[in-house]
Amino acid sequence: MRRLNVELASALVIYGMVMFGAIWLIRNHVIIDLTQRRLLAFVPLVGSIAIALATLRSLRRLDELQRRILSEGFIFAFVVSAAVTFSYGWLQNMAEAPALTYNWVMVILCFSWALGTVIARTRYR
């Protein structure tokens, strides 16, 4: 578990540094060209990939029950995220609800995965 914490913390630090660096470069007009700004928007993917790899390595170290709990949590998250995003999409089209950015999909997915994992964990106690 300690190894996971070190890997994940390192990946999160990398992500944060790259993200804040990219934002600083754009806000301080160091990079003005639109093409360069668009390319810079993809640079934080380096940190995201590091987070994903650390997560995958940690999942491979889990036993069968822990994997099952996380899998059930993710299935729950998929269903909840699909229901919420499709429902809100219909609200936007039919009832003129305000537009939201795609970032909210990931927020919904993460929170519902956490909730689903808690539900699954209590089920197997």
Protein backbone atom coordinates (compact mmCIF):
# COMPACT_ATOMS: atom_id res chain seq x y z
CA MET A 1 0.00 0.00 0.00
CA ARG A 2 2.86 2.34 0.76
CA ARG A 3 4.29 1.80 -2.72
CA LEU A 4 0.92 2.73 -4.24
CA ASN A 5 0.79 5.90 -2.16
CA VAL A 6 4.27 6.94 -3.30
CA GLU A 7 3.51 6.18 -6.97
CA LEU A 8 0.14 7.89 -6.89
CA ALA A 9 1.42 10.91 -4.96
CA SER A 10 4.29 11.28 -7.44
CA ALA A 11 1.89 11.05 -10.38
CA LEU A 12 -0.45 13.61 -8.81
CA VAL A 13 2.46 15.99 -8.18
CA ILE A 14 3.59 15.63 -11.79
CA TYR A 15 0.04 16.27 -12.99
CA GLY A 16 -0.36 19.32 -10.76
CA MET A 17 2.98 20.83 -11.76
CA VAL A 18 2.34 20.34 -15.46
CA MET A 19 -1.23 21.65 -15.19
CA PHE A 20 -0.27 24.77 -13.26
CA GLY A 21 2.71 25.32 -15.57
CA ALA A 22 0.50 25.16 -18.65
CA ILE A 23 -2.05 27.52 -17.10
CA TRP A 24 0.71 29.94 -16.09
CA LEU A 25 2.18 29.97 -19.60
CA ILE A 26 -1.19 30.73 -21.14
CA ARG A 27 -2.37 33.31 -18.58
CA ASN A 28 0.92 35.22 -18.61
CA HIS A 29 0.86 35.38 -22.40
CA VAL A 30 4.12 33.49 -22.77
CA ILE A 31 2.36 31.40 -25.39
CA ILE A 32 0.07 33.49 -27.54
CA ASP A 33 -0.25 31.46 -30.74
CA LEU A 34 -3.52 29.52 -30.82
CA THR A 35 -1.90 26.38 -32.24
CA GLN A 36 0.69 26.34 -29.45
CA ARG A 37 -2.03 26.89 -26.85
CA ARG A 38 -4.00 23.96 -28.24
CA LEU A 39 -0.92 21.73 -28.13
CA LEU A 40 -0.18 22.90 -24.59
CA ALA A 41 -3.67 21.84 -23.56
CA PHE A 42 -2.62 18.22 -24.15
CA VAL A 43 0.55 18.39 -22.04
CA PRO A 44 -1.28 17.59 -18.75
CA LEU A 45 -2.07 14.19 -20.28
CA VAL A 46 1.45 13.19 -19.19
CA GLY A 47 0.36 13.42 -15.56
CA SER A 48 -2.95 11.73 -16.34
CA ILE A 49 -1.15 8.80 -17.94
CA ALA A 50 1.15 8.53 -14.92
CA ILE A 51 -1.90 8.43 -12.62
CA ALA A 52 -3.54 5.78 -14.79
CA LEU A 53 -0.41 3.60 -14.81
CA ALA A 54 0.00 3.87 -11.03
CA THR A 55 -3.66 2.91 -10.61
CA LEU A 56 -3.34 -0.08 -12.95
CA ARG A 57 -0.23 -1.32 -11.15
CA SER A 58 -2.03 -1.09 -7.83
CA LEU A 59 -5.07 -2.95 -9.19
CA ARG A 60 -2.83 -5.80 -10.33
CA ARG A 61 -1.57 -6.22 -6.76
CA LEU A 62 -5.03 -6.72 -5.28
CA ASP A 63 -6.57 -10.05 -4.36
CA GLU A 64 -9.72 -11.40 -6.03
CA LEU A 65 -12.19 -9.98 -3.50
CA GLN A 66 -10.70 -6.49 -3.65
CA ARG A 67 -10.78 -6.60 -7.46
CA ARG A 68 -14.38 -7.72 -7.39
CA ILE A 69 -15.37 -4.90 -5.04
CA LEU A 70 -13.68 -2.30 -7.24
CA SER A 71 -15.19 -3.84 -10.38
CA GLU A 72 -18.68 -3.71 -8.92
CA GLY A 73 -18.05 -0.12 -7.90
CA PHE A 74 -17.01 0.73 -11.43
CA ILE A 75 -20.06 -0.97 -12.94
CA PHE A 76 -22.22 1.07 -10.57
CA ALA A 77 -20.35 4.22 -11.61
CA PHE A 78 -20.84 3.46 -15.30
CA VAL A 79 -24.60 3.03 -14.88
CA VAL A 80 -24.99 6.13 -12.70
CA SER A 81 -22.81 8.27 -14.98
CA ALA A 82 -24.68 7.14 -18.08
CA ALA A 83 -28.06 7.80 -16.48
CA VAL A 84 -27.08 11.24 -15.16
CA THR A 85 -25.33 12.46 -18.32
CA PHE A 86 -28.03 11.21 -20.70
CA SER A 87 -30.77 12.66 -18.50
CA TYR A 88 -29.02 16.01 -18.33
CA GLY A 89 -28.43 15.92 -22.08
CA TRP A 90 -32.15 15.47 -22.60
CA LEU A 91 -32.81 18.36 -20.21
CA GLN A 92 -30.47 20.54 -22.24
CA ASN A 93 -32.21 19.65 -25.49
CA MET A 94 -35.81 19.71 -24.29
CA ALA A 95 -35.94 22.06 -21.31
CA GLU A 96 -33.10 24.48 -22.09
CA ALA A 97 -31.00 23.53 -19.07
CA PRO A 98 -27.66 25.37 -18.94
CA ALA A 99 -24.75 23.77 -20.76
CA LEU A 100 -22.09 22.03 -18.67
CA THR A 101 -18.52 21.18 -19.62
CA TYR A 102 -17.41 17.60 -20.19
CA ASN A 103 -15.31 17.81 -17.02
CA TRP A 104 -18.47 17.10 -15.04
CA VAL A 105 -18.72 13.63 -16.56
CA MET A 106 -15.44 12.66 -14.91
CA VAL A 107 -16.51 14.19 -11.61
CA ILE A 108 -19.76 12.20 -11.69
CA LEU A 109 -17.86 9.04 -12.65
CA CYS A 110 -15.33 9.39 -9.81
CA PHE A 111 -17.88 10.15 -7.11
CA SER A 112 -20.21 7.38 -8.23
CA TRP A 113 -17.27 4.93 -8.35
CA ALA A 114 -16.41 5.84 -4.77
CA LEU A 115 -20.04 5.42 -3.73
CA GLY A 116 -20.35 2.13 -5.61
CA THR A 117 -17.18 0.83 -4.03
CA VAL A 118 -18.46 1.70 -0.55
CA ILE A 119 -21.75 -0.07 -1.30
CA ALA A 120 -19.93 -3.16 -2.62
CA ARG A 121 -17.53 -3.18 0.32
CA THR A 122 -20.39 -3.17 2.85
CA ARG A 123 -22.04 -5.98 0.91
CA TYR A 124 -19.00 -8.26 1.34
CA ARG A 125 -18.43 -7.64 5.05
